[in-house]
Amino acid sequence: MQIVFIRHSMTAGNLERRYIGCRTDEPLCEAGISLAQQKTAEIRQTFPMPEVVLTSPMRRCVQTAEILFPDTPREIVYGLQECDFGDFEGKNYAELSGDPAYQAWIDSGGTLAFPGGESRAAFLQRCCQALEQALQRQQHQIVAAVVHGGTIMAVLSALEEQQKPYFSWQAGHCEPILCTVTGTEPLRLQLTERS
């Protein structure tokens, strides 16, 4: 089985570099719709066409999947939502600058739990468990997952065989990352291609 991870397209909050997590269900902005439309042909020509598309339940992922793969069956997978940024939700670096809790989170390399939100360890566990369960239900050989940047970093840092650090898996909006499933119990992935 192969799985193509694709980060959703842009929202207004993304353009303002805000922490837009699982508490904010923003739709795509006009620039995000345009980007997804532009990337459709490139993704279809470069990567295998999925037989099913898994999406986070958040509108930005569902909308991106509808634009990229309008005729492909979609399955919403609860648990693949972006991290819960807690008290930082909806804020950007400028608004958080000088906040001692934010500085402590930065100093931890992002490993501390967000105040009132999720820790990286809990986020990784949630995303990996949701993906593993979703893939175990699939009979398809080519699957796409239109999810969040954080979800991609969580899953690939935990499950991809190179064991590369969390932030090394940052993906741009509508950037596809193709992996081969090399094990299912537990789930293991191998990077095949990255645009």
N, C-alpha and C. Protein backbone atom coordinates (compact mmCIF):
# COMPACT_ATOMS: atom_id res chain seq x y z
N MET A 1 0.84 -1.18 0.00
CA MET A 1 0.00 0.00 0.00
C MET A 1 0.89 1.25 0.00
N GLN A 2 0.44 2.26 -0.75
CA GLN A 2 1.12 3.55 -0.73
C GLN A 2 0.17 4.61 -0.20
N ILE A 3 0.72 5.60 0.48
CA ILE A 3 -0.09 6.69 1.01
C ILE A 3 0.58 8.02 0.67
N VAL A 4 -0.22 8.93 0.10
CA VAL A 4 0.26 10.27 -0.23
C VAL A 4 -0.30 11.22 0.82
N PHE A 5 0.59 11.78 1.64
CA PHE A 5 0.19 12.79 2.62
C PHE A 5 0.22 14.15 1.93
N ILE A 6 -0.84 14.92 2.10
CA ILE A 6 -0.91 16.26 1.52
C ILE A 6 -1.43 17.22 2.59
N ARG A 7 -0.65 18.28 2.83
CA ARG A 7 -1.12 19.30 3.77
C ARG A 7 -2.20 20.13 3.09
N HIS A 8 -3.23 20.45 3.84
CA HIS A 8 -4.33 21.28 3.31
C HIS A 8 -3.81 22.60 2.76
N SER A 9 -4.62 23.26 1.96
CA SER A 9 -4.26 24.56 1.42
C SER A 9 -4.47 25.65 2.48
N MET A 10 -4.25 26.88 2.10
CA MET A 10 -4.16 27.98 3.05
C MET A 10 -5.51 28.51 3.54
N THR A 11 -5.48 28.98 4.79
CA THR A 11 -6.61 29.70 5.39
C THR A 11 -6.14 31.11 5.72
N ALA A 12 -7.07 31.97 6.08
CA ALA A 12 -6.71 33.34 6.47
C ALA A 12 -5.75 33.32 7.66
N GLY A 13 -6.00 32.45 8.62
CA GLY A 13 -5.11 32.36 9.78
C GLY A 13 -3.71 31.90 9.42
N ASN A 14 -3.60 30.99 8.45
CA ASN A 14 -2.29 30.56 7.98
C ASN A 14 -1.52 31.73 7.40
N LEU A 15 -2.20 32.55 6.61
CA LEU A 15 -1.53 33.69 5.99
C LEU A 15 -1.01 34.68 7.03
N GLU A 16 -1.67 34.73 8.18
CA GLU A 16 -1.25 35.62 9.28
C GLU A 16 -0.33 34.90 10.26
N ARG A 17 0.10 33.68 9.89
CA ARG A 17 1.01 32.87 10.70
C ARG A 17 0.48 32.64 12.13
N ARG A 18 -0.81 32.38 12.21
CA ARG A 18 -1.44 32.11 13.50
C ARG A 18 -1.41 30.61 13.80
N TYR A 19 -1.48 30.27 15.07
CA TYR A 19 -1.60 28.88 15.49
C TYR A 19 -3.06 28.49 15.27
N ILE A 20 -3.31 27.79 14.18
CA ILE A 20 -4.67 27.36 13.84
C ILE A 20 -4.72 25.85 14.03
N GLY A 21 -5.28 25.45 15.14
CA GLY A 21 -5.29 24.04 15.50
C GLY A 21 -6.67 23.42 15.39
N CYS A 22 -6.97 22.51 16.29
CA CYS A 22 -8.22 21.75 16.22
C CYS A 22 -9.41 22.52 16.79
N ARG A 23 -9.16 23.69 17.37
CA ARG A 23 -10.27 24.48 17.92
C ARG A 23 -10.85 25.47 16.90
N THR A 24 -10.12 25.72 15.82
CA THR A 24 -10.54 26.71 14.83
C THR A 24 -10.82 26.01 13.52
N ASP A 25 -12.08 26.01 13.11
CA ASP A 25 -12.47 25.29 11.89
C ASP A 25 -12.61 26.29 10.74
N GLU A 26 -11.48 26.86 10.34
CA GLU A 26 -11.47 27.84 9.27
C GLU A 26 -11.61 27.18 7.90
N PRO A 27 -12.33 27.84 6.99
CA PRO A 27 -12.34 27.37 5.60
C PRO A 27 -11.09 27.87 4.88
N LEU A 28 -10.88 27.39 3.68
CA LEU A 28 -9.81 27.92 2.85
C LEU A 28 -10.13 29.37 2.49
N CYS A 29 -9.10 30.19 2.39
CA CYS A 29 -9.27 31.55 1.89
C CYS A 29 -9.17 31.51 0.36
N GLU A 30 -9.40 32.63 -0.29
CA GLU A 30 -9.37 32.65 -1.77
C GLU A 30 -8.01 32.21 -2.30
N ALA A 31 -6.93 32.66 -1.65
CA ALA A 31 -5.58 32.25 -2.08
C ALA A 31 -5.40 30.75 -1.90
N GLY A 32 -6.00 30.18 -0.87
CA GLY A 32 -5.91 28.75 -0.63
C GLY A 32 -6.66 27.94 -1.66
N ILE A 33 -7.84 28.42 -2.05
CA ILE A 33 -8.61 27.75 -3.10
C ILE A 33 -7.83 27.79 -4.41
N SER A 34 -7.28 28.94 -4.71
CA SER A 34 -6.51 29.10 -5.95
C SER A 34 -5.28 28.18 -5.97
N LEU A 35 -4.56 28.11 -4.85
CA LEU A 35 -3.37 27.25 -4.78
C LEU A 35 -3.76 25.79 -4.99
N ALA A 36 -4.82 25.33 -4.33
CA ALA A 36 -5.25 23.94 -4.48
C ALA A 36 -5.62 23.65 -5.93
N GLN A 37 -6.32 24.58 -6.57
CA GLN A 37 -6.67 24.39 -7.98
C GLN A 37 -5.42 24.31 -8.85
N GLN A 38 -4.43 25.15 -8.58
CA GLN A 38 -3.18 25.14 -9.34
C GLN A 38 -2.41 23.83 -9.15
N LYS A 39 -2.42 23.29 -7.94
CA LYS A 39 -1.63 22.10 -7.62
C LYS A 39 -2.28 20.79 -8.09
N THR A 40 -3.56 20.84 -8.45
CA THR A 40 -4.29 19.64 -8.81
C THR A 40 -3.61 18.87 -9.94
N ALA A 41 -3.34 19.54 -11.04
CA ALA A 41 -2.75 18.86 -12.20
C ALA A 41 -1.37 18.31 -11.87
N GLU A 42 -0.57 19.10 -11.17
CA GLU A 42 0.79 18.67 -10.80
C GLU A 42 0.76 17.41 -9.94
N ILE A 43 -0.11 17.39 -8.95
CA ILE A 43 -0.21 16.24 -8.05
C ILE A 43 -0.67 15.01 -8.84
N ARG A 44 -1.65 15.18 -9.70
CA ARG A 44 -2.19 14.05 -10.47
C ARG A 44 -1.17 13.50 -11.46
N GLN A 45 -0.31 14.37 -12.01
CA GLN A 45 0.69 13.91 -12.98
C GLN A 45 1.90 13.27 -12.31
N THR A 46 2.21 13.69 -11.09
CA THR A 46 3.44 13.27 -10.43
C THR A 46 3.24 12.10 -9.47
N PHE A 47 2.08 12.02 -8.87
CA PHE A 47 1.83 11.02 -7.83
C PHE A 47 0.71 10.08 -8.26
N PRO A 48 0.70 8.85 -7.73
CA PRO A 48 -0.36 7.91 -8.10
C PRO A 48 -1.74 8.43 -7.66
N MET A 49 -2.73 8.18 -8.48
CA MET A 49 -4.10 8.62 -8.16
C MET A 49 -4.67 7.74 -7.06
N PRO A 50 -5.13 8.35 -5.96
CA PRO A 50 -5.66 7.53 -4.86
C PRO A 50 -7.01 6.92 -5.18
N GLU A 51 -7.26 5.79 -4.54
CA GLU A 51 -8.56 5.12 -4.65
C GLU A 51 -9.52 5.60 -3.57
N VAL A 52 -8.95 6.17 -2.51
CA VAL A 52 -9.74 6.74 -1.43
C VAL A 52 -8.91 7.86 -0.80
N VAL A 53 -9.59 8.88 -0.28
CA VAL A 53 -8.91 10.00 0.37
C VAL A 53 -9.37 10.07 1.82
N LEU A 54 -8.43 9.94 2.73
CA LEU A 54 -8.69 10.12 4.15
C LEU A 54 -8.52 11.61 4.45
N THR A 55 -9.42 12.18 5.23
CA THR A 55 -9.26 13.59 5.60
C THR A 55 -9.51 13.78 7.08
N SER A 56 -8.86 14.79 7.61
CA SER A 56 -9.22 15.32 8.92
C SER A 56 -10.65 15.86 8.79
N PRO A 57 -11.40 15.91 9.88
CA PRO A 57 -12.75 16.46 9.79
C PRO A 57 -12.80 17.99 9.63
N MET A 58 -11.65 18.66 9.75
CA MET A 58 -11.64 20.12 9.68
C MET A 58 -11.93 20.59 8.25
N ARG A 59 -12.69 21.70 8.13
CA ARG A 59 -13.14 22.18 6.81
C ARG A 59 -11.99 22.42 5.85
N ARG A 60 -10.86 22.92 6.33
CA ARG A 60 -9.74 23.23 5.43
C ARG A 60 -9.21 21.97 4.74
N CYS A 61 -9.28 20.84 5.43
CA CYS A 61 -8.84 19.57 4.83
C CYS A 61 -9.90 19.01 3.89
N VAL A 62 -11.16 19.04 4.31
CA VAL A 62 -12.24 18.52 3.48
C VAL A 62 -12.32 19.32 2.18
N GLN A 63 -12.22 20.66 2.26
CA GLN A 63 -12.27 21.49 1.06
C GLN A 63 -11.10 21.20 0.12
N THR A 64 -9.91 21.06 0.69
CA THR A 64 -8.73 20.77 -0.14
C THR A 64 -8.91 19.44 -0.85
N ALA A 65 -9.38 18.43 -0.14
CA ALA A 65 -9.60 17.11 -0.75
C ALA A 65 -10.63 17.19 -1.87
N GLU A 66 -11.69 17.98 -1.68
CA GLU A 66 -12.72 18.13 -2.70
C GLU A 66 -12.16 18.76 -3.97
N ILE A 67 -11.23 19.71 -3.81
CA ILE A 67 -10.63 20.38 -4.97
C ILE A 67 -9.64 19.45 -5.67
N LEU A 68 -8.76 18.81 -4.90
CA LEU A 68 -7.72 17.97 -5.49
C LEU A 68 -8.26 16.68 -6.09
N PHE A 69 -9.24 16.07 -5.43
CA PHE A 69 -9.74 14.75 -5.84
C PHE A 69 -11.27 14.74 -5.83
N PRO A 70 -11.92 15.52 -6.72
CA PRO A 70 -13.38 15.67 -6.65
C PRO A 70 -14.16 14.37 -6.88
N ASP A 71 -13.58 13.44 -7.61
CA ASP A 71 -14.32 12.22 -7.96
C ASP A 71 -13.87 11.00 -7.16
N THR A 72 -13.03 11.22 -6.15
CA THR A 72 -12.50 10.11 -5.36
C THR A 72 -13.27 10.01 -4.04
N PRO A 73 -13.69 8.81 -3.64
CA PRO A 73 -14.38 8.66 -2.36
C PRO A 73 -13.52 9.20 -1.21
N ARG A 74 -14.19 9.83 -0.26
CA ARG A 74 -13.48 10.40 0.90
C ARG A 74 -14.01 9.79 2.19
N GLU A 75 -13.10 9.68 3.14
CA GLU A 75 -13.46 9.16 4.47
C GLU A 75 -12.88 10.11 5.51
N ILE A 76 -13.75 10.67 6.34
CA ILE A 76 -13.29 11.54 7.42
C ILE A 76 -12.76 10.66 8.55
N VAL A 77 -11.56 11.01 9.02
CA VAL A 77 -10.92 10.23 10.09
C VAL A 77 -10.73 11.14 11.30
N TYR A 78 -11.54 10.89 12.32
CA TYR A 78 -11.39 11.65 13.57
C TYR A 78 -10.12 11.19 14.25
N GLY A 79 -9.36 12.13 14.76
CA GLY A 79 -8.06 11.84 15.35
C GLY A 79 -6.92 12.40 14.51
N LEU A 80 -7.21 12.74 13.25
CA LEU A 80 -6.17 13.32 12.40
C LEU A 80 -6.20 14.85 12.41
N GLN A 81 -7.01 15.44 13.30
CA GLN A 81 -7.04 16.89 13.40
C GLN A 81 -5.67 17.43 13.84
N GLU A 82 -5.47 18.72 13.56
CA GLU A 82 -4.26 19.41 14.00
C GLU A 82 -4.18 19.38 15.52
N CYS A 83 -3.02 19.70 16.05
CA CYS A 83 -2.78 19.74 17.49
C CYS A 83 -3.72 20.74 18.18
N ASP A 84 -4.01 20.48 19.42
CA ASP A 84 -4.75 21.44 20.26
C ASP A 84 -3.74 22.41 20.84
N PHE A 85 -3.72 23.63 20.29
CA PHE A 85 -2.74 24.64 20.71
C PHE A 85 -3.14 25.35 22.00
N GLY A 86 -4.25 24.96 22.60
CA GLY A 86 -4.64 25.51 23.89
C GLY A 86 -4.72 27.02 23.89
N ASP A 87 -4.05 27.65 24.86
CA ASP A 87 -4.10 29.10 25.03
C ASP A 87 -3.45 29.86 23.88
N PHE A 88 -2.66 29.18 23.05
CA PHE A 88 -2.00 29.85 21.92
C PHE A 88 -2.87 29.87 20.66
N GLU A 89 -3.98 29.15 20.70
CA GLU A 89 -4.86 29.05 19.52
C GLU A 89 -5.26 30.42 18.99
N GLY A 90 -5.11 30.59 17.69
CA GLY A 90 -5.53 31.83 17.04
C GLY A 90 -4.55 32.98 17.16
N LYS A 91 -3.47 32.77 17.88
CA LYS A 91 -2.49 33.85 18.08
C LYS A 91 -1.27 33.60 17.20
N ASN A 92 -0.51 34.66 16.95
CA ASN A 92 0.73 34.51 16.20
C ASN A 92 1.92 34.90 17.09
N TYR A 93 3.12 34.75 16.52
CA TYR A 93 4.34 34.99 17.27
C TYR A 93 4.36 36.38 17.88
N ALA A 94 3.95 37.40 17.11
CA ALA A 94 3.99 38.78 17.62
C ALA A 94 3.09 38.94 18.83
N GLU A 95 1.92 38.32 18.80
CA GLU A 95 0.98 38.43 19.92
C GLU A 95 1.44 37.64 21.14
N LEU A 96 2.23 36.60 20.93
CA LEU A 96 2.70 35.76 22.04
C LEU A 96 4.07 36.19 22.57
N SER A 97 4.75 37.04 21.83
CA SER A 97 6.08 37.50 22.24
C SER A 97 6.01 38.16 23.62
N GLY A 98 6.88 37.72 24.50
CA GLY A 98 6.89 38.24 25.87
C GLY A 98 6.07 37.41 26.84
N ASP A 99 5.29 36.48 26.36
CA ASP A 99 4.50 35.59 27.22
C ASP A 99 5.43 34.52 27.78
N PRO A 100 5.59 34.44 29.11
CA PRO A 100 6.52 33.46 29.68
C PRO A 100 6.18 32.01 29.32
N ALA A 101 4.90 31.69 29.22
CA ALA A 101 4.50 30.32 28.86
C ALA A 101 4.92 30.01 27.43
N TYR A 102 4.81 31.00 26.55
CA TYR A 102 5.21 30.79 25.16
C TYR A 102 6.72 30.64 25.07
N GLN A 103 7.45 31.45 25.82
CA GLN A 103 8.91 31.34 25.80
C GLN A 103 9.35 29.98 26.34
N ALA A 104 8.69 29.50 27.36
CA ALA A 104 9.03 28.18 27.91
C ALA A 104 8.77 27.09 26.87
N TRP A 105 7.67 27.23 26.12
CA TRP A 105 7.37 26.25 25.08
C TRP A 105 8.43 26.30 23.98
N ILE A 106 8.82 27.50 23.57
CA ILE A 106 9.87 27.65 22.55
C ILE A 106 11.17 27.03 23.05
N ASP A 107 11.54 27.35 24.30
CA ASP A 107 12.80 26.84 24.87
C ASP A 107 12.81 25.32 24.97
N SER A 108 11.64 24.70 25.05
CA SER A 108 11.57 23.24 25.15
C SER A 108 11.70 22.57 23.78
N GLY A 109 11.83 23.36 22.72
CA GLY A 109 11.85 22.79 21.37
C GLY A 109 10.48 22.29 20.95
N GLY A 110 9.44 22.82 21.58
CA GLY A 110 8.08 22.42 21.24
C GLY A 110 7.62 21.13 21.89
N THR A 111 8.37 20.66 22.89
CA THR A 111 7.99 19.38 23.51
C THR A 111 7.06 19.56 24.71
N LEU A 112 7.06 20.75 25.33
CA LEU A 112 6.12 20.99 26.43
C LEU A 112 4.69 20.98 25.89
N ALA A 113 3.76 20.64 26.75
CA ALA A 113 2.36 20.73 26.37
C ALA A 113 1.99 22.20 26.20
N PHE A 114 1.12 22.47 25.23
CA PHE A 114 0.60 23.82 25.10
C PHE A 114 -0.26 24.10 26.34
N PRO A 115 -0.14 25.28 26.95
CA PRO A 115 -0.99 25.57 28.11
C PRO A 115 -2.47 25.42 27.76
N GLY A 116 -3.15 24.51 28.44
CA GLY A 116 -4.55 24.26 28.16
C GLY A 116 -4.77 23.41 26.91
N GLY A 117 -3.68 22.86 26.35
CA GLY A 117 -3.79 22.08 25.11
C GLY A 117 -3.05 20.76 25.19
N GLU A 118 -2.57 20.29 24.06
CA GLU A 118 -1.94 18.98 23.95
C GLU A 118 -0.43 19.05 24.07
N SER A 119 0.16 17.97 24.53
CA SER A 119 1.62 17.81 24.46
C SER A 119 1.94 17.17 23.12
N ARG A 120 3.18 17.30 22.70
CA ARG A 120 3.58 16.66 21.44
C ARG A 120 3.40 15.15 21.53
N ALA A 121 3.76 14.56 22.68
CA ALA A 121 3.65 13.10 22.83
C ALA A 121 2.20 12.65 22.67
N ALA A 122 1.25 13.37 23.28
CA ALA A 122 -0.16 13.00 23.18
C ALA A 122 -0.66 13.19 21.74
N PHE A 123 -0.20 14.25 21.09
CA PHE A 123 -0.58 14.52 19.70
C PHE A 123 -0.08 13.42 18.78
N LEU A 124 1.18 13.03 18.92
CA LEU A 124 1.73 11.94 18.12
C LEU A 124 0.94 10.67 18.31
N GLN A 125 0.65 10.33 19.54
CA GLN A 125 -0.08 9.10 19.83
C GLN A 125 -1.47 9.12 19.20
N ARG A 126 -2.16 10.25 19.31
CA ARG A 126 -3.51 10.38 18.74
C ARG A 126 -3.48 10.21 17.22
N CYS A 127 -2.58 10.92 16.57
CA CYS A 127 -2.51 10.88 15.09
C CYS A 127 -2.11 9.50 14.58
N CYS A 128 -1.09 8.92 15.19
CA CYS A 128 -0.62 7.60 14.74
C CYS A 128 -1.68 6.53 14.94
N GLN A 129 -2.37 6.57 16.06
CA GLN A 129 -3.42 5.58 16.33
C GLN A 129 -4.57 5.74 15.33
N ALA A 130 -4.97 6.98 15.05
CA ALA A 130 -6.07 7.21 14.11
C ALA A 130 -5.70 6.74 12.71
N LEU A 131 -4.47 7.05 12.28
CA LEU A 131 -4.04 6.63 10.94
C LEU A 131 -3.94 5.12 10.84
N GLU A 132 -3.34 4.49 11.85
CA GLU A 132 -3.19 3.03 11.83
C GLU A 132 -4.56 2.35 11.73
N GLN A 133 -5.52 2.80 12.52
CA GLN A 133 -6.86 2.20 12.49
C GLN A 133 -7.54 2.43 11.15
N ALA A 134 -7.36 3.63 10.57
CA ALA A 134 -7.97 3.93 9.27
C ALA A 134 -7.38 3.07 8.18
N LEU A 135 -6.06 2.87 8.20
CA LEU A 135 -5.42 2.07 7.15
C LEU A 135 -5.75 0.59 7.28
N GLN A 136 -5.97 0.12 8.50
CA GLN A 136 -6.33 -1.28 8.69
C GLN A 136 -7.69 -1.61 8.08
N ARG A 137 -8.54 -0.59 7.91
CA ARG A 137 -9.87 -0.79 7.32
C ARG A 137 -9.83 -0.74 5.78
N GLN A 138 -8.71 -0.34 5.22
CA GLN A 138 -8.63 -0.11 3.77
C GLN A 138 -8.29 -1.39 3.01
N GLN A 139 -8.94 -1.54 1.87
CA GLN A 139 -8.61 -2.62 0.94
C GLN A 139 -7.89 -2.06 -0.29
N HIS A 140 -7.67 -0.76 -0.30
CA HIS A 140 -7.08 -0.07 -1.45
C HIS A 140 -5.56 -0.12 -1.41
N GLN A 141 -4.95 0.03 -2.57
CA GLN A 141 -3.49 0.04 -2.66
C GLN A 141 -2.90 1.45 -2.67
N ILE A 142 -3.70 2.44 -3.09
CA ILE A 142 -3.25 3.83 -3.12
C ILE A 142 -4.23 4.68 -2.31
N VAL A 143 -3.72 5.31 -1.27
CA VAL A 143 -4.54 6.11 -0.37
C VAL A 143 -3.92 7.50 -0.28
N ALA A 144 -4.74 8.53 -0.24
CA ALA A 144 -4.26 9.88 0.05
C ALA A 144 -4.77 10.27 1.43
N ALA A 145 -4.02 11.10 2.12
CA ALA A 145 -4.44 11.65 3.42
C ALA A 145 -4.26 13.15 3.36
N VAL A 146 -5.37 13.88 3.28
CA VAL A 146 -5.32 15.34 3.26
C VAL A 146 -5.53 15.79 4.70
N VAL A 147 -4.44 16.23 5.29
CA VAL A 147 -4.42 16.51 6.73
C VAL A 147 -3.68 17.82 6.99
N HIS A 148 -3.22 17.99 8.20
CA HIS A 148 -2.59 19.23 8.65
C HIS A 148 -1.07 19.09 8.67
N GLY A 149 -0.39 20.22 8.65
CA GLY A 149 1.07 20.20 8.73
C GLY A 149 1.56 19.50 9.98
N GLY A 150 0.93 19.78 11.11
CA GLY A 150 1.33 19.13 12.35
C GLY A 150 1.07 17.64 12.33
N THR A 151 -0.04 17.23 11.73
CA THR A 151 -0.37 15.80 11.63
C THR A 151 0.69 15.07 10.82
N ILE A 152 1.12 15.68 9.72
CA ILE A 152 2.16 15.06 8.90
C ILE A 152 3.47 14.95 9.69
N MET A 153 3.85 16.01 10.39
CA MET A 153 5.08 15.95 11.20
C MET A 153 4.98 14.89 12.28
N ALA A 154 3.82 14.79 12.91
CA ALA A 154 3.63 13.81 13.98
C ALA A 154 3.76 12.39 13.45
N VAL A 155 3.02 12.09 12.40
CA VAL A 155 2.99 10.73 11.86
C VAL A 155 4.36 10.32 11.31
N LEU A 156 4.97 11.18 10.49
CA LEU A 156 6.22 10.79 9.86
C LEU A 156 7.39 10.75 10.84
N SER A 157 7.40 11.64 11.82
CA SER A 157 8.50 11.58 12.81
C SER A 157 8.41 10.32 13.66
N ALA A 158 7.19 9.82 13.85
CA ALA A 158 7.00 8.62 14.68
C ALA A 158 7.07 7.32 13.90
N LEU A 159 6.62 7.32 12.63
CA LEU A 159 6.42 6.07 11.91
C LEU A 159 7.35 5.84 10.72
N GLU A 160 7.96 6.90 10.18
CA GLU A 160 8.81 6.73 9.00
C GLU A 160 10.15 6.15 9.43
N GLU A 161 10.67 5.20 8.68
CA GLU A 161 11.79 4.39 9.12
C GLU A 161 13.10 5.16 9.36
N GLN A 162 13.24 6.34 8.74
CA GLN A 162 14.47 7.12 8.96
C GLN A 162 14.55 7.76 10.34
N GLN A 163 13.38 7.84 11.02
CA GLN A 163 13.32 8.43 12.36
C GLN A 163 13.89 9.86 12.37
N LYS A 164 13.55 10.64 11.35
CA LYS A 164 13.99 12.03 11.28
C LYS A 164 13.20 12.86 12.29
N PRO A 165 13.80 13.95 12.79
CA PRO A 165 13.14 14.78 13.80
C PRO A 165 11.82 15.39 13.32
N TYR A 166 10.97 15.68 14.26
CA TYR A 166 9.62 16.21 14.04
C TYR A 166 9.61 17.36 13.04
N PHE A 167 10.37 18.41 13.30
CA PHE A 167 10.29 19.61 12.46
C PHE A 167 10.92 19.42 11.08
N SER A 168 11.68 18.35 10.86
CA SER A 168 12.25 18.11 9.53
C SER A 168 11.18 17.67 8.54
N TRP A 169 9.99 17.33 9.03
CA TRP A 169 8.89 16.88 8.17
C TRP A 169 7.91 18.01 7.86
N GLN A 170 8.30 19.26 8.09
CA GLN A 170 7.40 20.38 7.76
C GLN A 170 7.06 20.32 6.27
N ALA A 171 5.78 20.49 5.98
CA ALA A 171 5.31 20.44 4.59
C ALA A 171 4.64 21.76 4.24
N GLY A 172 4.84 22.19 3.02
CA GLY A 172 4.13 23.37 2.53
C GLY A 172 2.68 23.04 2.22
N HIS A 173 1.88 24.07 2.04
CA HIS A 173 0.47 23.86 1.70
C HIS A 173 0.37 23.14 0.36
N CYS A 174 -0.43 22.09 0.32
CA CYS A 174 -0.66 21.24 -0.87
C CYS A 174 0.61 20.52 -1.31
N GLU A 175 1.59 20.37 -0.43
CA GLU A 175 2.81 19.62 -0.77
C GLU A 175 2.56 18.13 -0.52
N PRO A 176 2.70 17.30 -1.56
CA PRO A 176 2.51 15.86 -1.38
C PRO A 176 3.80 15.15 -0.93
N ILE A 177 3.63 14.17 -0.06
CA ILE A 177 4.73 13.32 0.40
C ILE A 177 4.25 11.87 0.26
N LEU A 178 4.90 11.11 -0.60
CA LEU A 178 4.49 9.74 -0.87
C LEU A 178 5.30 8.77 -0.01
N CYS A 179 4.59 7.88 0.67
CA CYS A 179 5.23 6.85 1.48
C CYS A 179 4.67 5.48 1.12
N THR A 180 5.48 4.47 1.34
CA THR A 180 5.05 3.08 1.21
C THR A 180 4.83 2.52 2.60
N VAL A 181 3.73 1.81 2.78
CA VAL A 181 3.46 1.16 4.06
C VAL A 181 4.28 -0.12 4.09
N THR A 182 5.22 -0.21 5.03
CA THR A 182 6.09 -1.39 5.12
C THR A 182 5.69 -2.32 6.26
N GLY A 183 4.77 -1.88 7.10
CA GLY A 183 4.26 -2.71 8.19
C GLY A 183 2.93 -2.15 8.66
N THR A 184 2.04 -3.01 9.14
CA THR A 184 0.72 -2.54 9.56
C THR A 184 0.47 -2.70 11.06
N GLU A 185 1.12 -3.64 11.70
CA GLU A 185 0.91 -3.85 13.15
C GLU A 185 2.24 -4.09 13.84
N PRO A 186 2.96 -3.04 14.23
CA PRO A 186 2.57 -1.63 14.18
C PRO A 186 2.79 -1.05 12.80
N LEU A 187 2.14 0.08 12.56
CA LEU A 187 2.26 0.78 11.29
C LEU A 187 3.68 1.32 11.11
N ARG A 188 4.26 1.06 9.96
CA ARG A 188 5.59 1.57 9.61
C ARG A 188 5.52 2.11 8.19
N LEU A 189 6.24 3.21 7.94
CA LEU A 189 6.23 3.88 6.65
C LEU A 189 7.65 4.08 6.13
N GLN A 190 7.77 4.13 4.81
CA GLN A 190 9.06 4.42 4.18
C GLN A 190 8.82 5.51 3.15
N LEU A 191 9.60 6.60 3.25
CA LEU A 191 9.48 7.70 2.30
C LEU A 191 9.81 7.19 0.90
N THR A 192 8.93 7.49 -0.07
CA THR A 192 9.13 7.09 -1.45
C THR A 192 9.49 8.31 -2.30
N GLU A 193 8.74 9.41 -2.13
CA GLU A 193 8.98 10.61 -2.93
C GLU A 193 8.41 11.82 -2.21
N ARG A 194 9.16 12.92 -2.32
CA ARG A 194 8.71 14.18 -1.74
C ARG A 194 8.92 15.26 -2.78
N SER A 195 7.88 16.06 -3.02
CA SER A 195 8.01 17.08 -4.06
C SER A 195 8.87 18.24 -3.59
